[in-house]
PDB file of N, CA and C in Angstrom:
ATOM      1  N   MET A   1      34.993  91.404   5.061  1.00  0.00           N
ATOM      2  CA  MET A   1      35.206  90.156   5.147  1.00  0.00           C
ATOM      3  C   MET A   1      35.733  89.262   6.300  1.00  0.00           C
ATOM      4  N   ILE A   2      37.003  90.733   6.571  1.00  0.00           N
ATOM      5  CA  ILE A   2      37.850  90.639   7.815  1.00  0.00           C
ATOM      6  C   ILE A   2      36.703  90.337   8.861  1.00  0.00           C
ATOM      7  N   ARG A   3      36.220  91.234   9.239  1.00  0.00           N
ATOM      8  CA  ARG A   3      35.077  91.562  10.425  1.00  0.00           C
ATOM      9  C   ARG A   3      34.594  90.162  10.103  1.00  0.00           C
ATOM     10  N   PHE A   4      33.748  89.497   9.227  1.00  0.00           N
ATOM     11  CA  PHE A   4      33.063  88.452   9.424  1.00  0.00           C
ATOM     12  C   PHE A   4      34.007  87.035   9.866  1.00  0.00           C
ATOM     13  N   PHE A   5      34.943  87.288   9.580  1.00  0.00           N
ATOM     14  CA  PHE A   5      36.288  86.009   9.837  1.00  0.00           C
ATOM     15  C   PHE A   5      36.260  86.289  11.833  1.00  0.00           C
ATOM     16  N   ALA A   6      36.679  87.835  11.941  1.00  0.00           N
ATOM     17  CA  ALA A   6      36.912  87.847  13.016  1.00  0.00           C
ATOM     18  C   ALA A   6      35.555  87.378  14.089  1.00  0.00           C
ATOM     19  N   LEU A   7      34.431  87.842  13.830  1.00  0.00           N
ATOM     20  CA  LEU A   7      33.536  87.683  14.671  1.00  0.00           C
ATOM     21  C   LEU A   7      33.027  86.239  14.459  1.00  0.00           C
ATOM     22  N   ALA A   8      33.076  85.317  13.580  1.00  0.00           N
ATOM     23  CA  ALA A   8      33.074  83.901  13.389  1.00  0.00           C
ATOM     24  C   ALA A   8      34.446  83.367  14.350  1.00  0.00           C
ATOM     25  N   VAL A   9      35.516  83.706  14.560  1.00  0.00           N
ATOM     26  CA  VAL A   9      36.365  83.214  15.429  1.00  0.00           C
ATOM     27  C   VAL A   9      36.108  83.409  16.906  1.00  0.00           C
ATOM     28  N   LEU A  10      35.767  84.479  17.050  1.00  0.00           N
ATOM     29  CA  LEU A  10      35.066  84.840  18.336  1.00  0.00           C
ATOM     30  C   LEU A  10      33.907  83.985  18.859  1.00  0.00           C
ATOM     31  N   ALA A  11      33.034  83.704  17.789  1.00  0.00           N
ATOM     32  CA  ALA A  11      31.929  83.127  18.331  1.00  0.00           C
ATOM     33  C   ALA A  11      32.371  81.465  18.230  1.00  0.00           C
ATOM     34  N   VAL A  12      33.167  80.984  17.763  1.00  0.00           N
ATOM     35  CA  VAL A  12      33.798  79.340  17.553  1.00  0.00           C
ATOM     36  C   VAL A  12      34.482  79.330  19.316  1.00  0.00           C
ATOM     37  N   ILE A  13      35.157  80.573  19.653  1.00  0.00           N
ATOM     38  CA  ILE A  13      36.141  80.888  20.976  1.00  0.00           C
ATOM     39  C   ILE A  13      34.990  80.543  21.564  1.00  0.00           C
ATOM     40  N   GLY A  14      33.633  81.589  21.952  1.00  0.00           N
ATOM     41  CA  GLY A  14      32.997  81.306  23.099  1.00  0.00           C
ATOM     42  C   GLY A  14      32.316  80.492  23.265  1.00  0.00           C
ATOM     43  N   PHE A  15      31.808  79.623  22.265  1.00  0.00           N
ATOM     44  CA  PHE A  15      31.344  78.281  22.356  1.00  0.00           C
ATOM     45  C   PHE A  15      32.139  77.347  22.804  1.00  0.00           C
ATOM     46  N   SER A  16      33.110  77.566  22.407  1.00  0.00           N
ATOM     47  CA  SER A  16      34.266  75.932  22.998  1.00  0.00           C
ATOM     48  C   SER A  16      34.885  76.248  24.391  1.00  0.00           C
ATOM     49  N   THR A  17      34.566  77.382  24.820  1.00  0.00           N
ATOM     50  CA  THR A  17      35.524  77.754  26.369  1.00  0.00           C
ATOM     51  C   THR A  17      35.034  76.954  26.906  1.00  0.00           C
ATOM     52  N   PRO A  18      33.517  76.440  27.044  1.00  0.00           N
ATOM     53  CA  PRO A  18      33.121  75.562  28.185  1.00  0.00           C
ATOM     54  C   PRO A  18      33.892  74.041  28.268  1.00  0.00           C
ATOM     55  N   ALA A  19      33.814  74.029  27.058  1.00  0.00           N
ATOM     56  CA  ALA A  19      34.639  72.480  26.849  1.00  0.00           C
ATOM     57  C   ALA A  19      35.953  72.368  27.237  1.00  0.00           C
ATOM     58  N   LEU A  20      36.889  73.541  27.195  1.00  0.00           N
ATOM     59  CA  LEU A  20      37.895  73.458  27.443  1.00  0.00           C
ATOM     60  C   LEU A  20      38.303  73.589  28.854  1.00  0.00           C
ATOM     61  N   ALA A  21      37.472  73.886  29.479  1.00  0.00           N
ATOM     62  CA  ALA A  21      37.380  74.202  31.229  1.00  0.00           C
ATOM     63  C   ALA A  21      38.159  72.928  32.005  1.00  0.00           C
ATOM     64  N   GLN A  22      39.237  73.292  32.484  1.00  0.00           N
ATOM     65  CA  GLN A  22      39.817  72.382  33.360  1.00  0.00           C
ATOM     66  C   GLN A  22      39.368  71.956  34.690  1.00  0.00           C
ATOM     67  N   ALA A  23      39.148  70.889  35.044  1.00  0.00           N
ATOM     68  CA  ALA A  23      38.827  70.243  36.438  1.00  0.00           C
ATOM     69  C   ALA A  23      39.889  70.602  37.190  1.00  0.00           C
ATOM     70  N   THR A  24      39.582  70.312  38.621  1.00  0.00           N
ATOM     71  CA  THR A  24      40.507  70.747  39.866  1.00  0.00           C
ATOM     72  C   THR A  24      40.311  69.459  40.596  1.00  0.00           C
ATOM     73  N   ASN A  25      41.589  69.509  41.853  1.00  0.00           N
ATOM     74  CA  ASN A  25      41.106  68.635  42.690  1.00  0.00           C
ATOM     75  C   ASN A  25      40.142  68.489  43.341  1.00  0.00           C
ATOM     76  N   THR A  26      39.302  69.929  43.820  1.00  0.00           N
ATOM     77  CA  THR A  26      38.205  70.331  44.409  1.00  0.00           C
ATOM     78  C   THR A  26      36.528  69.515  43.287  1.00  0.00           C
ATOM     79  N   SER A  27      36.816  69.415  42.463  1.00  0.00           N
ATOM     80  CA  SER A  27      36.127  69.038  41.417  1.00  0.00           C
ATOM     81  C   SER A  27      35.538  67.494  41.718  1.00  0.00           C
ATOM     82  N   VAL A  28      36.461  66.816  42.293  1.00  0.00           N
ATOM     83  CA  VAL A  28      36.354  65.460  42.378  1.00  0.00           C
ATOM     84  C   VAL A  28      36.020  64.673  43.680  1.00  0.00           C
ATOM     85  N   LEU A  29      35.846  65.785  44.515  1.00  0.00           N
ATOM     86  CA  LEU A  29      35.794  65.493  46.097  1.00  0.00           C
ATOM     87  C   LEU A  29      34.067  64.536  45.632  1.00  0.00           C
ATOM     88  N   GLY A  30      34.029  64.316  46.838  1.00  0.00           N
ATOM     89  CA  GLY A  30      33.210  63.297  47.417  1.00  0.00           C
ATOM     90  C   GLY A  30      32.842  61.899  47.149  1.00  0.00           C
ATOM     91  N   ASN A  31      31.762  61.278  47.473  1.00  0.00           N
ATOM     92  CA  ASN A  31      31.406  59.795  47.363  1.00  0.00           C
ATOM     93  C   ASN A  31      30.843  59.075  46.202  1.00  0.00           C
ATOM     94  N   TYR A  32      31.388  58.025  45.602  1.00  0.00           N
ATOM     95  CA  TYR A  32      31.065  57.272  44.476  1.00  0.00           C
ATOM     96  C   TYR A  32      30.479  56.104  44.723  1.00  0.00           C
ATOM     97  N   VAL A  33      30.050  55.697  44.308  1.00  0.00           N
ATOM     98  CA  VAL A  33      29.921  53.574  44.150  1.00  0.00           C
ATOM     99  C   VAL A  33      30.781  53.685  42.388  1.00  0.00           C
ATOM    100  N   VAL A  34      31.465  52.518  42.677  1.00  0.00           N
ATOM    101  CA  VAL A  34      32.338  52.049  41.624  1.00  0.00           C
ATOM    102  C   VAL A  34      31.848  50.859  41.122  1.00  0.00           C
ATOM    103  N   THR A  35      32.036  50.603  39.865  1.00  0.00           N
ATOM    104  CA  THR A  35      31.944  49.253  39.304  1.00  0.00           C
ATOM    105  C   THR A  35      33.218  49.240  38.168  1.00  0.00           C
ATOM    106  N   GLY A  36      33.564  47.644  37.810  1.00  0.00           N
ATOM    107  CA  GLY A  36      34.839  47.900  37.407  1.00  0.00           C
ATOM    108  C   GLY A  36      34.911  46.377  36.704  1.00  0.00           C
ATOM    109  N   THR A  37      36.275  46.227  36.115  1.00  0.00           N
ATOM    110  CA  THR A  37      36.692  45.073  35.944  1.00  0.00           C
ATOM    111  C   THR A  37      38.259  44.874  36.662  1.00  0.00           C
ATOM    112  N   GLU A  38      38.630  43.462  36.602  1.00  0.00           N
ATOM    113  CA  GLU A  38      39.808  43.245  37.197  1.00  0.00           C
ATOM    114  C   GLU A  38      40.568  43.129  36.056  1.00  0.00           C
ATOM    115  N   THR A  39      42.101  42.995  36.200  1.00  0.00           N
ATOM    116  CA  THR A  39      43.039  42.812  34.901  1.00  0.00           C
ATOM    117  C   THR A  39      43.240  41.683  34.034  1.00  0.00           C
ATOM    118  N   ASP A  40      42.203  40.824  34.507  1.00  0.00           N
ATOM    119  CA  ASP A  40      41.703  39.658  33.869  1.00  0.00           C
ATOM    120  C   ASP A  40      40.810  39.815  32.788  1.00  0.00           C
ATOM    121  N   GLY A  41      40.077  41.028  33.198  1.00  0.00           N
ATOM    122  CA  GLY A  41      38.879  41.063  32.202  1.00  0.00           C
ATOM    123  C   GLY A  41      37.448  40.573  33.111  1.00  0.00           C
ATOM    124  N   SER A  42      37.597  40.165  34.006  1.00  0.00           N
ATOM    125  CA  SER A  42      36.416  39.907  34.988  1.00  0.00           C
ATOM    126  C   SER A  42      35.902  40.444  35.531  1.00  0.00           C
ATOM    127  N   LYS A  43      34.609  40.754  35.791  1.00  0.00           N
ATOM    128  CA  LYS A  43      33.772  42.205  36.156  1.00  0.00           C
ATOM    129  C   LYS A  43      33.937  41.396  37.711  1.00  0.00           C
ATOM    130  N   TYR A  44      34.019  42.821  38.555  1.00  0.00           N
ATOM    131  CA  TYR A  44      33.939  43.222  39.902  1.00  0.00           C
ATOM    132  C   TYR A  44      32.364  42.226  40.360  1.00  0.00           C
ATOM    133  N   ASP A  45      32.921  41.816  41.709  1.00  0.00           N
ATOM    134  CA  ASP A  45      31.559  40.897  41.732  1.00  0.00           C
ATOM    135  C   ASP A  45      30.901  42.033  42.803  1.00  0.00           C
ATOM    136  N   GLY A  46      29.753  42.717  41.861  1.00  0.00           N
ATOM    137  CA  GLY A  46      29.113  43.967  42.906  1.00  0.00           C
ATOM    138  C   GLY A  46      29.792  44.715  42.489  1.00  0.00           C
ATOM    139  N   SER A  47      29.306  46.218  43.438  1.00  0.00           N
ATOM    140  CA  SER A  47      29.534  47.405  43.552  1.00  0.00           C
ATOM    141  C   SER A  47      30.271  48.200  44.795  1.00  0.00           C
ATOM    142  N   GLY A  48      31.191  48.915  44.358  1.00  0.00           N
ATOM    143  CA  GLY A  48      32.084  49.063  45.850  1.00  0.00           C
ATOM    144  C   GLY A  48      31.906  50.767  46.133  1.00  0.00           C
ATOM    145  N   THR A  49      32.285  51.175  47.046  1.00  0.00           N
ATOM    146  CA  THR A  49      32.315  52.436  47.365  1.00  0.00           C
ATOM    147  C   THR A  49      33.503  53.127  47.172  1.00  0.00           C
ATOM    148  N   LEU A  50      33.609  54.515  47.174  1.00  0.00           N
ATOM    149  CA  LEU A  50      34.902  55.274  47.124  1.00  0.00           C
ATOM    150  C   LEU A  50      34.829  56.371  47.753  1.00  0.00           C
ATOM    151  N   ALA A  51      35.170  57.011  48.632  1.00  0.00           N
ATOM    152  CA  ALA A  51      35.379  58.647  49.068  1.00  0.00           C
ATOM    153  C   ALA A  51      36.534  59.203  48.924  1.00  0.00           C
ATOM    154  N   VAL A  52      36.451  60.000  47.966  1.00  0.00           N
ATOM    155  CA  VAL A  52      38.005  61.209  47.736  1.00  0.00           C
ATOM    156  C   VAL A  52      37.812  62.546  48.544  1.00  0.00           C
ATOM    157  N   THR A  53      38.588  63.010  49.115  1.00  0.00           N
ATOM    158  CA  THR A  53      38.494  63.591  49.736  1.00  0.00           C
ATOM    159  C   THR A  53      39.855  64.597  49.979  1.00  0.00           C
ATOM    160  N   MET A  54      40.399  65.412  50.395  1.00  0.00           N
ATOM    161  CA  MET A  54      41.608  66.046  50.089  1.00  0.00           C
ATOM    162  C   MET A  54      42.301  66.554  51.734  1.00  0.00           C
ATOM    163  N   ASP A  55      43.889  66.470  51.537  1.00  0.00           N
ATOM    164  CA  ASP A  55      44.177  66.424  52.646  1.00  0.00           C
ATOM    165  C   ASP A  55      44.786  68.210  52.778  1.00  0.00           C
ATOM    166  N   LYS A  56      45.414  68.333  54.077  1.00  0.00           N
ATOM    167  CA  LYS A  56      45.702  69.883  54.049  1.00  0.00           C
ATOM    168  C   LYS A  56      46.752  70.192  53.101  1.00  0.00           C
ATOM    169  N   SER A  57      47.382  69.013  52.259  1.00  0.00           N
ATOM    170  CA  SER A  57      48.555  69.707  51.244  1.00  0.00           C
ATOM    171  C   SER A  57      47.656  69.699  50.040  1.00  0.00           C
ATOM    172  N   GLY A  58      46.627  69.566  49.831  1.00  0.00           N
ATOM    173  CA  GLY A  58      46.544  69.868  48.775  1.00  0.00           C
ATOM    174  C   GLY A  58      45.982  68.518  47.920  1.00  0.00           C
ATOM    175  N   ALA A  59      46.963  67.011  48.182  1.00  0.00           N
ATOM    176  CA  ALA A  59      46.490  66.049  47.717  1.00  0.00           C
ATOM    177  C   ALA A  59      45.424  65.392  47.778  1.00  0.00           C
ATOM    178  N   LEU A  60      45.077  64.670  46.656  1.00  0.00           N
ATOM    179  CA  LEU A  60      43.531  64.071  47.206  1.00  0.00           C
ATOM    180  C   LEU A  60      43.852  62.623  47.698  1.00  0.00           C
ATOM    181  N   GLU A  61      42.968  62.317  48.401  1.00  0.00           N
ATOM    182  CA  GLU A  61      42.907  60.839  49.598  1.00  0.00           C
ATOM    183  C   GLU A  61      41.872  60.216  48.970  1.00  0.00           C
ATOM    184  N   LEU A  62      41.911  58.876  48.585  1.00  0.00           N
ATOM    185  CA  LEU A  62      41.315  58.354  48.325  1.00  0.00           C
ATOM    186  C   LEU A  62      41.174  56.441  48.621  1.00  0.00           C
ATOM    187  N   LYS A  63      39.857  56.458  49.313  1.00  0.00           N
ATOM    188  CA  LYS A  63      39.268  55.324  50.240  1.00  0.00           C
ATOM    189  C   LYS A  63      38.285  54.355  49.498  1.00  0.00           C
ATOM    190  N   TRP A  64      38.847  53.268  49.252  1.00  0.00           N
ATOM    191  CA  TRP A  64      37.456  52.088  48.513  1.00  0.00           C
ATOM    192  C   TRP A  64      37.518  51.492  49.660  1.00  0.00           C
ATOM    193  N   ASP A  65      36.237  51.125  49.786  1.00  0.00           N
ATOM    194  CA  ASP A  65      35.394  50.251  50.842  1.00  0.00           C
ATOM    195  C   ASP A  65      35.723  50.511  52.060  1.00  0.00           C
ATOM    196  N   GLY A  66      35.736  51.486  52.284  1.00  0.00           N
ATOM    197  CA  GLY A  66      35.845  51.998  53.979  1.00  0.00           C
ATOM    198  C   GLY A  66      37.227  51.929  53.986  1.00  0.00           C
ATOM    199  N   GLY A  67      38.215  52.063  53.131  1.00  0.00           N
ATOM    200  CA  GLY A  67      39.577  52.017  53.718  1.00  0.00           C
ATOM    201  C   GLY A  67      40.262  50.885  53.185  1.00  0.00           C
ATOM    202  N   LYS A  68      39.453  49.949  53.010  1.00  0.00           N
ATOM    203  CA  LYS A  68      40.547  48.714  52.634  1.00  0.00           C
ATOM    204  C   LYS A  68      40.908  48.648  51.295  1.00  0.00           C
ATOM    205  N   TYR A  69      41.140  49.642  50.583  1.00  0.00           N
ATOM    206  CA  TYR A  69      42.375  50.216  49.594  1.00  0.00           C
ATOM    207  C   TYR A  69      42.211  51.779  49.879  1.00  0.00           C
ATOM    208  N   VAL A  70      43.766  52.236  49.357  1.00  0.00           N
ATOM    209  CA  VAL A  70      44.015  53.454  49.811  1.00  0.00           C
ATOM    210  C   VAL A  70      44.413  53.758  48.637  1.00  0.00           C
ATOM    211  N   GLY A  71      44.515  54.716  48.114  1.00  0.00           N
ATOM    212  CA  GLY A  71      45.197  55.556  46.995  1.00  0.00           C
ATOM    213  C   GLY A  71      45.431  57.767  47.518  1.00  0.00           C
ATOM    214  N   ILE A  72      46.517  57.717  46.561  1.00  0.00           N
ATOM    215  CA  ILE A  72      46.522  59.376  46.568  1.00  0.00           C
ATOM    216  C   ILE A  72      46.598  59.601  44.944  1.00  0.00           C
ATOM    217  N   GLY A  73      46.049  60.619  44.724  1.00  0.00           N
ATOM    218  CA  GLY A  73      45.891  61.484  43.598  1.00  0.00           C
ATOM    219  C   GLY A  73      46.003  62.918  43.270  1.00  0.00           C
ATOM    220  N   HIS A  74      45.807  63.291  41.549  1.00  0.00           N
ATOM    221  CA  HIS A  74      45.820  64.503  41.338  1.00  0.00           C
ATOM    222  C   HIS A  74      45.736  64.806  40.011  1.00  0.00           C
ATOM    223  N   VAL A  75      44.663  66.081  39.893  1.00  0.00           N
ATOM    224  CA  VAL A  75      44.044  66.512  38.500  1.00  0.00           C
ATOM    225  C   VAL A  75      44.960  67.094  37.646  1.00  0.00           C
ATOM    226  N   ASP A  76      44.772  66.868  36.744  1.00  0.00           N
ATOM    227  CA  ASP A  76      45.738  67.418  35.066  1.00  0.00           C
ATOM    228  C   ASP A  76      45.097  67.616  34.327  1.00  0.00           C
ATOM    229  N   GLY A  77      44.182  68.978  33.923  1.00  0.00           N
ATOM    230  CA  GLY A  77      43.628  68.934  32.787  1.00  0.00           C
ATOM    231  C   GLY A  77      41.760  68.155  33.024  1.00  0.00           C
ATOM    232  N   SER A  78      41.578  67.284  32.389  1.00  0.00           N
ATOM    233  CA  SER A  78      40.535  66.437  32.357  1.00  0.00           C
ATOM    234  C   SER A  78      40.801  65.061  32.901  1.00  0.00           C
ATOM    235  N   LYS A  79      41.823  64.716  33.474  1.00  0.00           N
ATOM    236  CA  LYS A  79      42.244  63.340  33.892  1.00  0.00           C
ATOM    237  C   LYS A  79      42.813  63.743  35.537  1.00  0.00           C
ATOM    238  N   LEU A  80      42.178  62.492  35.781  1.00  0.00           N
ATOM    239  CA  LEU A  80      42.633  62.537  37.501  1.00  0.00           C
ATOM    240  C   LEU A  80      43.997  61.028  37.320  1.00  0.00           C
ATOM    241  N   PHE A  81      44.880  61.220  38.029  1.00  0.00           N
ATOM    242  CA  PHE A  81      45.955  59.716  38.011  1.00  0.00           C
ATOM    243  C   PHE A  81      46.184  59.878  39.379  1.00  0.00           C
ATOM    244  N   VAL A  82      45.881  58.284  39.856  1.00  0.00           N
ATOM    245  CA  VAL A  82      46.392  57.507  41.002  1.00  0.00           C
ATOM    246  C   VAL A  82      47.178  56.950  41.179  1.00  0.00           C
ATOM    247  N   GLY A  83      47.830  56.371  42.525  1.00  0.00           N
ATOM    248  CA  GLY A  83      48.605  56.084  42.569  1.00  0.00           C
ATOM    249  C   GLY A  83      48.405  55.394  44.034  1.00  0.00           C
ATOM    250  N   SER A  84      48.302  54.074  44.113  1.00  0.00           N
ATOM    251  CA  SER A  84      47.684  53.096  45.061  1.00  0.00           C
ATOM    252  C   SER A  84      48.389  51.857  45.405  1.00  0.00           C
ATOM    253  N   ALA A  85      47.825  51.256  46.490  1.00  0.00           N
ATOM    254  CA  ALA A  85      48.213  49.725  46.298  1.00  0.00           C
ATOM    255  C   ALA A  85      46.989  48.902  46.998  1.00  0.00           C
ATOM    256  N   ALA A  86      47.028  47.617  46.510  1.00  0.00           N
ATOM    257  CA  ALA A  86      46.133  46.675  46.474  1.00  0.00           C
ATOM    258  C   ALA A  86      46.623  45.134  46.650  1.00  0.00           C
ATOM    259  N   ASP A  87      46.433  44.345  47.637  1.00  0.00           N
ATOM    260  CA  ASP A  87      47.091  43.265  47.478  1.00  0.00           C
ATOM    261  C   ASP A  87      48.289  43.155  47.860  1.00  0.00           C
ATOM    262  N   GLY A  88      49.386  44.102  47.984  1.00  0.00           N
ATOM    263  CA  GLY A  88      50.706  44.584  48.169  1.00  0.00           C
ATOM    264  C   GLY A  88      51.031  45.048  46.938  1.00  0.00           C
ATOM    265  N   LYS A  89      50.546  44.792  46.105  1.00  0.00           N
ATOM    266  CA  LYS A  89      51.050  45.364  44.679  1.00  0.00           C
ATOM    267  C   LYS A  89      50.959  46.626  44.380  1.00  0.00           C
ATOM    268  N   VAL A  90      51.810  47.377  43.758  1.00  0.00           N
ATOM    269  CA  VAL A  90      51.626  49.125  43.203  1.00  0.00           C
ATOM    270  C   VAL A  90      50.496  48.929  41.863  1.00  0.00           C
ATOM    271  N   VAL A  91      49.619  50.063  42.663  1.00  0.00           N
ATOM    272  CA  VAL A  91      48.695  50.206  41.326  1.00  0.00           C
ATOM    273  C   VAL A  91      48.395  51.401  40.743  1.00  0.00           C
ATOM    274  N   LEU A  92      48.377  51.583  39.413  1.00  0.00           N
ATOM    275  CA  LEU A  92      48.431  52.959  38.975  1.00  0.00           C
ATOM    276  C   LEU A  92      47.106  53.202  38.410  1.00  0.00           C
ATOM    277  N   MET A  93      46.473  54.004  38.378  1.00  0.00           N
ATOM    278  CA  MET A  93      44.842  54.502  37.541  1.00  0.00           C
ATOM    279  C   MET A  93      45.240  55.848  36.433  1.00  0.00           C
ATOM    280  N   VAL A  94      44.490  55.475  35.684  1.00  0.00           N
ATOM    281  CA  VAL A  94      44.310  57.169  34.783  1.00  0.00           C
ATOM    282  C   VAL A  94      42.636  57.223  34.651  1.00  0.00           C
ATOM    283  N   MET A  95      41.963  58.199  34.892  1.00  0.00           N
ATOM    284  CA  MET A  95      40.899  58.732  35.142  1.00  0.00           C
ATOM    285  C   MET A  95      40.305  59.763  34.071  1.00  0.00           C
ATOM    286  N   ASP A  96      39.243  59.446  33.066  1.00  0.00           N
ATOM    287  CA  ASP A  96      38.568  60.492  32.658  1.00  0.00           C
ATOM    288  C   ASP A  96      37.926  61.043  33.387  1.00  0.00           C
ATOM    289  N   ILE A  97      37.854  62.543  33.779  1.00  0.00           N
ATOM    290  CA  ILE A  97      36.771  62.858  34.264  1.00  0.00           C
ATOM    291  C   ILE A  97      35.831  63.596  33.414  1.00  0.00           C
ATOM    292  N   LYS A  98      34.151  63.103  33.438  1.00  0.00           N
ATOM    293  CA  LYS A  98      33.125  63.389  32.394  1.00  0.00           C
ATOM    294  C   LYS A  98      32.419  64.794  33.410  1.00  0.00           C
ATOM    295  N   ALA A  99      31.501  65.331  32.093  1.00  0.00           N
ATOM    296  CA  ALA A  99      31.209  65.962  32.309  1.00  0.00           C
ATOM    297  C   ALA A  99      30.040  66.368  33.623  1.00  0.00           C
ATOM    298  N   ASP A 100      29.291  65.134  33.243  1.00  0.00           N
ATOM    299  CA  ASP A 100      28.277  64.789  34.273  1.00  0.00           C
ATOM    300  C   ASP A 100      28.833  64.574  35.960  1.00  0.00           C
ATOM    301  N   GLY A 101      30.097  64.799  36.049  1.00  0.00           N
ATOM    302  CA  GLY A 101      30.626  64.411  37.385  1.00  0.00           C
ATOM    303  C   GLY A 101      31.365  62.584  37.701  1.00  0.00           C
ATOM    304  N   SER A 102      30.825  61.822  36.531  1.00  0.00           N
ATOM    305  CA  SER A 102      31.526  60.244  36.591  1.00  0.00           C
ATOM    306  C   SER A 102      32.971  60.733  36.363  1.00  0.00           C
ATOM    307  N   LEU A 103      33.434  59.191  36.418  1.00  0.00           N
ATOM    308  CA  LEU A 103      35.039  59.038  36.251  1.00  0.00           C
ATOM    309  C   LEU A 103      35.009  57.722  35.457  1.00  0.00           C
ATOM    310  N   GLU A 104      35.943  57.784  34.495  1.00  0.00           N
ATOM    311  CA  GLU A 104      35.871  56.204  33.906  1.00  0.00           C
ATOM    312  C   GLU A 104      37.505  56.705  33.668  1.00  0.00           C
ATOM    313  N   GLY A 105      37.706  55.107  33.781  1.00  0.00           N
ATOM    314  CA  GLY A 105      39.259  54.816  33.175  1.00  0.00           C
ATOM    315  C   GLY A 105      39.764  53.764  33.513  1.00  0.00           C
ATOM    316  N   LYS A 106      41.217  53.470  33.333  1.00  0.00           N
ATOM    317  CA  LYS A 106      41.960  52.175  33.214  1.00  0.00           C
ATOM    318  C   LYS A 106      42.924  51.801  34.797  1.00  0.00           C
ATOM    319  N   TRP A 107      42.960  51.038  35.198  1.00  0.00           N
ATOM    320  CA  TRP A 107      44.155  50.887  36.074  1.00  0.00           C
ATOM    321  C   TRP A 107      44.898  49.383  36.056  1.00  0.00           C
ATOM    322  N   TRP A 108      46.324  49.545  36.438  1.00  0.00           N
ATOM    323  CA  TRP A 108      47.397  48.418  36.275  1.00  0.00           C
ATOM    324  C   TRP A 108      47.925  48.414  37.629  1.00  0.00           C
ATOM    325  N   ARG A 109      47.685  47.047  37.922  1.00  0.00           N
ATOM    326  CA  ARG A 109      48.522  46.107  39.081  1.00  0.00           C
ATOM    327  C   ARG A 109      49.733  45.722  39.022  1.00  0.00           C
ATOM    328  N   ARG A 110      51.035  45.791  39.340  1.00  0.00           N
ATOM    329  CA  ARG A 110      51.942  45.149  39.064  1.00  0.00           C
ATOM    330  C   ARG A 110      52.115  43.796  39.289  1.00  0.00           C
ATOM    331  N   THR A 111      52.610  43.143  38.501  1.00  0.00           N
ATOM    332  CA  THR A 111      52.622  41.570  38.197  1.00  0.00           C
ATOM    333  C   THR A 111      51.302  40.952  37.892  1.00  0.00           C
ATOM    334  N   ASP A 112      50.358  41.556  37.935  1.00  0.00           N
ATOM    335  CA  ASP A 112      48.896  41.036  37.782  1.00  0.00           C
ATOM    336  C   ASP A 112      49.036  40.572  36.227  1.00  0.00           C
ATOM    337  N   PRO A 113      48.171  39.458  35.890  1.00  0.00           N
ATOM    338  CA  PRO A 113      48.356  38.826  34.258  1.00  0.00           C
ATOM    339  C   PRO A 113      46.973  39.680  33.907  1.00  0.00           C
ATOM    340  N   GLY A 114      47.282  40.035  32.742  1.00  0.00           N
ATOM    341  CA  GLY A 114      46.390  40.797  31.637  1.00  0.00           C
ATOM    342  C   GLY A 114      46.628  42.228  31.686  1.00  0.00           C
ATOM    343  N   THR A 115      45.987  42.686  30.936  1.00  0.00           N
ATOM    344  CA  THR A 115      46.704  43.796  30.240  1.00  0.00           C
ATOM    345  C   THR A 115      45.935  45.380  31.229  1.00  0.00           C
ATOM    346  N   GLN A 116      44.656  45.376  31.582  1.00  0.00           N
ATOM    347  CA  GLN A 116      44.558  46.375  32.278  1.00  0.00           C
ATOM    348  C   GLN A 116      43.038  46.321  33.135  1.00  0.00           C
ATOM    349  N   GLY A 117      42.861  46.782  34.209  1.00  0.00           N
ATOM    350  CA  GLY A 117      41.323  46.953  34.413  1.00  0.00           C
ATOM    351  C   GLY A 117      40.857  47.548  34.664  1.00  0.00           C
ATOM    352  N   THR A 118      39.556  47.835  34.689  1.00  0.00           N
ATOM    353  CA  THR A 118      38.750  48.891  34.268  1.00  0.00           C
ATOM    354  C   THR A 118      37.861  49.757  35.856  1.00  0.00           C
ATOM    355  N   GLU A 119      37.686  50.822  35.937  1.00  0.00           N
ATOM    356  CA  GLU A 119      36.582  51.727  36.421  1.00  0.00           C
ATOM    357  C   GLU A 119      36.265  52.465  36.435  1.00  0.00           C
ATOM    358  N   VAL A 120      34.837  52.276  37.164  1.00  0.00           N
ATOM    359  CA  VAL A 120      33.363  53.567  36.795  1.00  0.00           C
ATOM    360  C   VAL A 120      33.167  54.089  38.100  1.00  0.00           C
ATOM    361  N   TRP A 121      33.569  55.414  38.168  1.00  0.00           N
ATOM    362  CA  TRP A 121      32.852  56.010  39.158  1.00  0.00           C
ATOM    363  C   TRP A 121      31.752  57.158  39.112  1.00  0.00           C
ATOM    364  N   LYS A 122      30.620  56.550  40.089  1.00  0.00           N
ATOM    365  CA  LYS A 122      29.527  57.625  40.020  1.00  0.00           C
ATOM    366  C   LYS A 122      29.531  58.174  41.597  1.00  0.00           C
ATOM    367  N   LYS A 123      29.282  59.742  40.956  1.00  0.00           N
ATOM    368  CA  LYS A 123      28.891  60.017  42.586  1.00  0.00           C
ATOM    369  C   LYS A 123      27.186  59.806  43.011  1.00  0.00           C
ATOM    370  N   LYS A 124      27.271  59.753  44.472  1.00  0.00           N
ATOM    371  CA  LYS A 124      26.258  59.325  45.089  1.00  0.00           C
ATOM    372  C   LYS A 124      25.494  60.962  45.405  1.00  0.00           C
TER     373      LYS A 124
END
């Protein structure tokens, strides 16, 4: 009985290990198409672009729409945390890293009405 239990535990660990894999800064590098909503819930007018690169320090650099908006980010587990500025206001983002390479999450801009905006990033 103990052998059966031990084998069952090993099987569960073996099947769940890929799901527990952690993303890294390099796993989110690339170019994305961005869709989303403003903090008041209104949809973005069309889609935008996002380039995620890494500087020599290892920090992620994010540039939306050719550098119109810029930010800095870091991956921790299955989340990407981003700080940026838009329209002279501080922006915070928390993005979930999906298995297919897309990211999806919420963002907040200081003093904006509404509770939060959303974004979805799909790799080009």
